[in-house]
Amino acid sequence: MPYRVCKTIDIESGHMLSKHQDKCRFPHGHTRKVEFVLEAERLDRNDMVCDFLVVKEVIGDYLNTLDHAICVNSGDPAFPELRQRFGERVVAFENEDPTTEVMARVIFDAFAKRLSDYSAAIDNAYPLAREVRLVSVKVWETASSWAEYLP
């Protein structure tokens, strides 16, 4: 049975869901909690799956691109105007609505790639065994609503 750890990071993030039939099609924001679950069969030399600081090291820069930004379907008619007006703070989701489910998958994929790169590096501030793997990403949209992605 593997060991598991969980680290959460909060971001302020907006989105608009162009396919939604009600209020969610308009720009609105959430205080999102992003939860990362990692596992390993054995503990490292510090008796950890990994230091919790590794999660921030691995994904912090990426999450900063979503923090205080609005995520928009690139196919939404308002996308070009929003991008022109607000630049990089408008994050494109290629032809899909940035639902919480989609965001969980996109964040999972970004973290998994960065985790692999981090574990392969030899000069990390915090060690990470190559066997550490990302199990899931859960994105909380509100205190009572979340979506989770597991590959």
Protein backbone atom coordinates (compact mmCIF):
# COMPACT_ATOMS: atom_id res chain seq x y z
CA MET A 1 0.00 0.00 0.00
CA PRO A 2 1.56 3.32 -1.03
CA TYR A 3 1.90 6.42 1.09
CA ARG A 4 -0.15 9.43 0.00
CA VAL A 5 0.13 13.12 0.74
CA CYS A 6 -2.08 16.03 -0.20
CA LYS A 7 -1.18 19.69 -0.67
CA THR A 8 -3.65 22.47 -1.42
CA ILE A 9 -3.00 25.86 -2.97
CA ASP A 10 -5.60 28.63 -3.19
CA ILE A 11 -6.05 30.90 -6.19
CA GLU A 12 -8.53 33.57 -7.21
CA SER A 13 -9.77 32.68 -10.65
CA GLY A 14 -12.53 33.77 -12.98
CA HIS A 15 -14.13 32.03 -15.91
CA MET A 16 -17.05 32.26 -18.28
CA LEU A 17 -18.78 29.24 -19.71
CA SER A 18 -20.03 30.03 -23.20
CA LYS A 19 -21.98 26.76 -23.45
CA HIS A 20 -23.87 27.36 -20.18
CA GLN A 21 -27.55 28.23 -20.49
CA ASP A 22 -27.74 30.35 -17.34
CA LYS A 23 -25.69 32.88 -15.34
CA CYS A 24 -22.40 30.98 -15.66
CA ARG A 25 -22.07 32.15 -19.28
CA PHE A 26 -21.21 35.58 -17.86
CA PRO A 27 -17.79 36.40 -16.36
CA HIS A 28 -17.62 35.45 -12.70
CA GLY A 29 -14.99 34.43 -10.21
CA HIS A 30 -14.22 31.87 -7.54
CA THR A 31 -11.80 31.41 -4.71
CA ARG A 32 -10.51 28.03 -5.84
CA LYS A 33 -8.67 25.47 -3.78
CA VAL A 34 -6.47 23.23 -5.91
CA GLU A 35 -5.66 19.93 -4.21
CA PHE A 36 -2.76 17.71 -5.32
CA VAL A 37 -2.51 14.08 -4.18
CA LEU A 38 0.87 12.39 -4.63
CA GLU A 39 1.99 8.90 -3.69
CA ALA A 40 5.05 6.71 -3.38
CA GLU A 41 5.62 3.10 -2.35
CA ARG A 42 8.43 4.10 0.01
CA LEU A 43 9.33 7.15 2.01
CA ASP A 44 12.42 9.15 1.07
CA ARG A 45 15.50 9.62 3.24
CA ASN A 46 13.59 12.30 5.19
CA ASP A 47 10.75 9.85 5.86
CA MET A 48 8.44 11.69 3.47
CA VAL A 49 6.69 11.03 0.16
CA CYS A 50 8.05 14.46 -0.69
CA ASP A 51 8.45 17.79 0.99
CA PHE A 52 5.23 19.81 0.62
CA LEU A 53 7.35 22.65 -0.71
CA VAL A 54 8.00 20.55 -3.83
CA VAL A 55 4.39 21.01 -4.90
CA LYS A 56 4.73 24.79 -4.82
CA GLU A 57 8.12 24.57 -6.57
CA VAL A 58 6.66 22.39 -9.33
CA ILE A 59 3.35 24.14 -10.04
CA GLY A 60 3.53 27.59 -8.44
CA ASP A 61 4.50 29.47 -11.61
CA TYR A 62 1.76 27.77 -13.60
CA LEU A 63 -0.92 28.48 -11.00
CA ASN A 64 0.18 32.12 -10.98
CA THR A 65 -0.93 32.32 -14.63
CA LEU A 66 -4.46 31.37 -13.48
CA ASP A 67 -4.50 33.53 -10.35
CA HIS A 68 -6.44 36.78 -10.84
CA ALA A 69 -7.08 35.78 -14.45
CA ILE A 70 -10.18 34.82 -16.38
CA CYS A 71 -10.33 31.52 -18.24
CA VAL A 72 -12.27 31.63 -21.50
CA ASN A 73 -13.16 29.22 -24.30
CA SER A 74 -11.07 30.36 -27.30
CA GLY A 75 -14.17 29.82 -29.45
CA ASP A 76 -16.22 32.30 -27.43
CA PRO A 77 -17.06 35.37 -29.58
CA ALA A 78 -15.88 37.64 -26.74
CA PHE A 79 -12.45 35.97 -26.51
CA PRO A 80 -10.54 38.18 -29.01
CA GLU A 81 -11.77 41.40 -27.40
CA LEU A 82 -11.04 40.16 -23.88
CA ARG A 83 -7.54 39.01 -24.88
CA GLN A 84 -6.82 42.30 -26.60
CA ARG A 85 -8.00 44.27 -23.60
CA PHE A 86 -6.51 42.21 -20.77
CA GLY A 87 -3.66 40.33 -22.45
CA GLU A 88 -2.20 37.34 -20.63
CA ARG A 89 -4.73 37.62 -17.80
CA VAL A 90 -7.22 36.05 -20.23
CA VAL A 91 -6.29 32.38 -20.39
CA ALA A 92 -7.41 30.50 -23.49
CA PHE A 93 -8.95 27.06 -23.25
CA GLU A 94 -8.82 25.74 -26.79
CA ASN A 95 -12.37 25.25 -28.01
CA GLU A 96 -13.66 24.02 -24.66
CA ASP A 97 -15.29 25.74 -21.75
CA PRO A 98 -13.02 26.14 -18.71
CA THR A 99 -15.33 24.23 -16.41
CA THR A 100 -13.97 23.08 -13.09
CA GLU A 101 -13.71 19.56 -14.56
CA VAL A 102 -11.63 20.81 -17.50
CA MET A 103 -9.48 22.95 -15.21
CA ALA A 104 -8.74 19.91 -13.02
CA ARG A 105 -7.55 17.98 -16.09
CA VAL A 106 -5.46 20.85 -17.46
CA ILE A 107 -3.81 21.47 -14.09
CA PHE A 108 -3.19 17.73 -13.67
CA ASP A 109 -1.45 17.54 -17.06
CA ALA A 110 0.66 20.62 -16.34
CA PHE A 111 1.68 19.29 -12.92
CA ALA A 112 2.47 15.77 -14.18
CA LYS A 113 4.81 17.16 -16.87
CA ARG A 114 6.54 19.51 -14.46
CA LEU A 115 6.82 16.81 -11.79
CA SER A 116 8.62 14.55 -14.25
CA ASP A 117 11.04 17.34 -15.18
CA TYR A 118 11.62 18.21 -11.51
CA SER A 119 12.37 14.62 -10.47
CA ALA A 120 14.84 14.26 -13.35
CA ALA A 121 16.82 17.35 -12.31
CA ILE A 122 19.83 16.89 -10.06
CA ASP A 123 20.06 20.38 -8.53
CA ASN A 124 16.70 20.72 -6.80
CA ALA A 125 16.45 22.50 -3.48
CA TYR A 126 14.23 19.68 -2.24
CA PRO A 127 14.82 16.07 -3.25
CA LEU A 128 12.15 14.12 -5.08
CA ALA A 129 12.31 10.41 -5.84
CA ARG A 130 11.46 9.47 -9.42
CA GLU A 131 8.85 7.03 -8.13
CA VAL A 132 6.67 9.80 -6.69
CA ARG A 133 3.56 10.08 -8.84
CA LEU A 134 0.62 12.39 -9.08
CA VAL A 135 -2.60 10.54 -8.27
CA SER A 136 -5.21 13.25 -8.72
CA VAL A 137 -6.00 16.92 -8.86
CA LYS A 138 -9.15 18.23 -7.26
CA VAL A 139 -10.32 21.78 -7.93
CA TRP A 140 -12.79 23.27 -5.49
CA GLU A 141 -15.04 25.85 -7.13
CA THR A 142 -16.90 26.70 -3.93
CA ALA A 143 -16.82 25.39 -0.36
CA SER A 144 -19.34 22.74 -1.37
CA SER A 145 -18.49 21.97 -5.04
CA TRP A 146 -15.43 20.38 -6.59
CA ALA A 147 -14.25 18.42 -9.61
CA GLU A 148 -11.47 15.82 -9.60
CA TYR A 149 -9.32 14.45 -12.38
CA LEU A 150 -7.54 11.10 -12.24
CA PRO A 151 -5.92 9.72 -15.39
